């Protein structure tokens, strides 16, 4: 969904008399600027975890719809809800190349993506791996992703095939150790 929004300077109301009295608008006069924003309507994400006991605790919280903090998608005005789908088996993929349905993390070199006709990808860099109790980020990683929610052909040995009943999804888990 794409729509226009007006951003109003907080001091704009104080300048209304200036506009009503037809006084000149100066460079320092606050004003309102129309800006365009895009929002996803009813987005759905699948998140896969690998992690022993923390996985069990997280699964229990998701089953009972409990959380320590309200989940949101990037902005506090974009609150989301989470739904536990299940626990699934996964294994290293045995194929030389797979079509990935997840973001592809990397630290130094861009992963080996097969650039077939129509393959589109974007890169986001410097994402924090850990955030401490004081909200200070530690360690970073980079990701390659498909901007149109498509799959990306990747040749790498860190690919996992997750069996979700009849569906098999190929993913790459995000890093957990601090790399920088």
Protein backbone atom coordinates (compact mmCIF):
# COMPACT_ATOMS: atom_id res chain seq x y z
CA UNK A 1 0.00 0.00 0.00
CA UNK A 2 1.40 3.41 -0.90
CA UNK A 3 -0.07 6.64 0.47
CA UNK A 4 0.88 10.23 1.20
CA UNK A 5 1.37 11.51 4.68
CA UNK A 6 1.98 15.02 5.94
CA UNK A 7 4.79 15.57 8.37
CA UNK A 8 4.09 18.68 10.43
CA UNK A 9 6.78 20.48 12.36
CA UNK A 10 5.77 20.56 16.06
CA UNK A 11 6.02 24.37 16.17
CA UNK A 12 3.86 24.86 13.07
CA UNK A 13 0.71 25.76 15.04
CA UNK A 14 2.52 28.72 16.59
CA UNK A 15 3.08 30.16 13.10
CA UNK A 16 -0.60 30.18 12.07
CA UNK A 17 -1.00 33.90 12.95
CA UNK A 18 1.92 34.67 10.56
CA UNK A 19 0.02 32.99 7.69
CA UNK A 20 -3.31 34.60 8.62
CA UNK A 21 -1.76 38.08 8.82
CA UNK A 22 -0.15 37.52 5.40
CA UNK A 23 3.36 38.07 6.73
CA UNK A 24 6.26 36.77 4.63
CA UNK A 25 7.40 33.22 5.19
CA UNK A 26 11.10 33.12 6.00
CA UNK A 27 13.68 30.38 5.70
CA UNK A 28 13.26 29.54 9.41
CA UNK A 29 9.45 29.32 9.32
CA UNK A 30 8.35 25.73 10.10
CA UNK A 31 6.32 24.06 7.40
CA UNK A 32 4.61 20.84 6.49
CA UNK A 33 6.11 18.53 3.88
CA UNK A 34 4.15 15.81 2.09
CA UNK A 35 6.06 12.55 1.99
CA UNK A 36 5.30 9.16 0.51
CA UNK A 37 5.52 5.97 2.54
CA UNK A 38 4.96 2.35 1.61
CA UNK A 39 3.53 -0.26 3.95
CA UNK A 40 3.08 -4.00 3.57
CA UNK A 41 -0.51 -5.10 4.09
CA UNK A 42 -0.85 -8.28 6.17
CA UNK A 43 2.78 -9.39 5.82
CA UNK A 44 3.69 -12.93 6.91
CA UNK A 45 7.16 -14.12 7.78
CA UNK A 46 8.45 -17.57 8.64
CA UNK A 47 11.20 -17.62 11.24
CA UNK A 48 13.23 -20.77 11.84
CA UNK A 49 15.27 -21.24 15.03
CA UNK A 50 18.02 -23.72 15.84
CA UNK A 51 19.07 -23.67 19.44
CA UNK A 52 18.50 -26.43 22.03
CA UNK A 53 16.99 -25.20 25.30
CA UNK A 54 16.33 -21.65 24.14
CA UNK A 55 14.37 -23.18 21.28
CA UNK A 56 12.23 -25.10 23.79
CA UNK A 57 11.59 -22.01 25.93
CA UNK A 58 10.78 -19.95 22.86
CA UNK A 59 8.43 -22.64 21.53
CA UNK A 60 6.58 -22.69 24.89
CA UNK A 61 6.19 -18.89 24.83
CA UNK A 62 4.96 -18.93 21.22
CA UNK A 63 2.46 -21.73 21.97
CA UNK A 64 1.01 -19.75 24.88
CA UNK A 65 1.26 -16.39 23.02
CA UNK A 66 3.48 -14.84 25.71
CA UNK A 67 6.40 -12.45 25.22
CA UNK A 68 8.72 -10.32 27.31
CA UNK A 69 8.30 -7.37 24.97
CA UNK A 70 5.60 -6.54 22.44
CA UNK A 71 6.74 -7.89 19.06
CA UNK A 72 6.89 -5.30 16.28
CA UNK A 73 8.19 -5.01 12.72
CA UNK A 74 10.76 -2.21 12.79
CA UNK A 75 8.58 0.53 14.26
CA UNK A 76 6.62 0.65 17.50
CA UNK A 77 3.50 1.55 15.53
CA UNK A 78 3.76 -1.72 13.57
CA UNK A 79 2.88 -4.24 16.26
CA UNK A 80 2.74 -7.84 15.08
CA UNK A 81 1.57 -11.16 16.42
CA UNK A 82 3.44 -14.44 16.32
CA UNK A 83 2.02 -17.90 15.79
CA UNK A 84 3.81 -21.16 16.58
CA UNK A 85 3.59 -23.48 13.58
CA UNK A 86 5.62 -26.44 14.82
CA UNK A 87 8.98 -28.10 15.27
CA UNK A 88 10.54 -29.61 12.17
CA UNK A 89 13.50 -31.77 11.20
CA UNK A 90 16.27 -30.26 9.12
CA UNK A 91 19.56 -31.43 7.61
CA UNK A 92 22.45 -30.10 5.53
CA UNK A 93 21.42 -29.92 1.91
CA UNK A 94 23.29 -32.43 -0.22
CA UNK A 95 22.82 -30.54 -3.50
CA UNK A 96 25.52 -28.30 -4.95
CA UNK A 97 23.03 -25.45 -5.55
CA UNK A 98 19.70 -24.74 -3.85
CA UNK A 99 16.94 -22.18 -4.19
CA UNK A 100 16.85 -20.39 -0.84
CA UNK A 101 13.67 -19.03 0.75
CA UNK A 102 15.55 -17.08 3.42
CA UNK A 103 17.94 -14.19 3.72
CA UNK A 104 21.55 -15.24 3.11
CA UNK A 105 23.97 -14.03 5.76
CA UNK A 106 27.64 -13.30 5.11
CA UNK A 107 30.45 -11.39 6.79
CA UNK A 108 33.24 -10.66 4.29
CA UNK A 109 32.55 -11.95 0.78
CA UNK A 110 29.20 -11.89 -0.98
CA UNK A 111 27.87 -15.47 -1.28
CA UNK A 112 28.00 -17.35 -4.60
CA UNK A 113 24.63 -16.49 -6.15
CA UNK A 114 23.78 -17.90 -9.56
CA UNK A 115 22.79 -14.90 -11.62
CA UNK A 116 20.15 -16.49 -13.81
CA UNK A 117 17.90 -14.39 -15.99
CA UNK A 118 15.43 -12.63 -13.68
CA UNK A 119 17.38 -13.18 -10.42
CA UNK A 120 17.05 -10.07 -8.28
CA UNK A 121 18.73 -9.50 -4.95
CA UNK A 122 19.60 -6.68 -2.57
CA UNK A 123 22.20 -6.36 0.17
CA UNK A 124 21.80 -4.94 3.67
CA UNK A 125 24.99 -4.41 5.68
CA UNK A 126 25.94 -3.88 9.32
CA UNK A 127 23.00 -5.63 11.01
CA UNK A 128 23.64 -6.24 14.75
CA UNK A 129 24.05 -9.83 15.95
CA UNK A 130 23.57 -9.16 19.67
CA UNK A 131 22.09 -6.28 21.65
CA UNK A 132 22.91 -6.12 25.36
CA UNK A 133 20.60 -5.06 28.19
CA UNK A 134 21.59 -1.41 27.61
CA UNK A 135 20.58 -1.73 23.93
CA UNK A 136 24.19 -1.53 22.72
CA UNK A 137 24.76 -3.66 19.59
CA UNK A 138 27.70 -6.10 19.48
CA UNK A 139 28.91 -7.74 16.31
CA UNK A 140 27.50 -7.30 12.83
CA UNK A 141 26.65 -9.34 9.76
CA UNK A 142 25.39 -8.65 6.26
CA UNK A 143 22.55 -10.24 4.30
CA UNK A 144 21.54 -10.81 0.71
CA UNK A 145 17.79 -11.06 0.15
CA UNK A 146 15.22 -11.06 -2.60
CA UNK A 147 13.41 -7.70 -2.70
CA UNK A 148 10.37 -9.28 -4.38
CA UNK A 149 10.12 -12.18 -1.88
CA UNK A 150 11.40 -14.65 -4.47
CA UNK A 151 13.95 -17.39 -4.03
CA UNK A 152 17.68 -16.92 -4.56
CA UNK A 153 19.86 -19.64 -6.20
CA UNK A 154 22.89 -20.21 -3.95
CA UNK A 155 25.94 -22.47 -4.18
CA UNK A 156 27.20 -22.98 -0.62
CA UNK A 157 27.65 -25.71 1.99
CA UNK A 158 25.80 -24.00 4.87
CA UNK A 159 22.34 -24.57 3.41
CA UNK A 160 19.76 -26.51 5.42
CA UNK A 161 16.64 -28.24 4.11
CA UNK A 162 13.74 -27.98 6.56
CA UNK A 163 11.03 -30.65 6.16
CA UNK A 164 7.63 -29.12 6.92
CA UNK A 165 5.34 -32.01 6.12
CA UNK A 166 4.98 -32.12 2.32
CA UNK A 167 6.90 -28.86 1.90
CA UNK A 168 10.70 -28.63 1.98
CA UNK A 169 12.17 -25.17 2.54
CA UNK A 170 15.87 -24.37 2.02
CA UNK A 171 17.30 -21.83 4.47
CA UNK A 172 20.54 -20.49 5.83
CA UNK A 173 20.60 -19.76 9.56
CA UNK A 174 21.77 -16.31 10.71
CA UNK A 175 25.06 -16.12 12.63
CA UNK A 176 25.08 -16.13 16.41
CA UNK A 177 28.78 -15.66 17.26
CA UNK A 178 30.08 -12.11 17.34
CA UNK A 179 32.26 -11.58 14.24
CA UNK A 180 33.33 -7.94 14.56
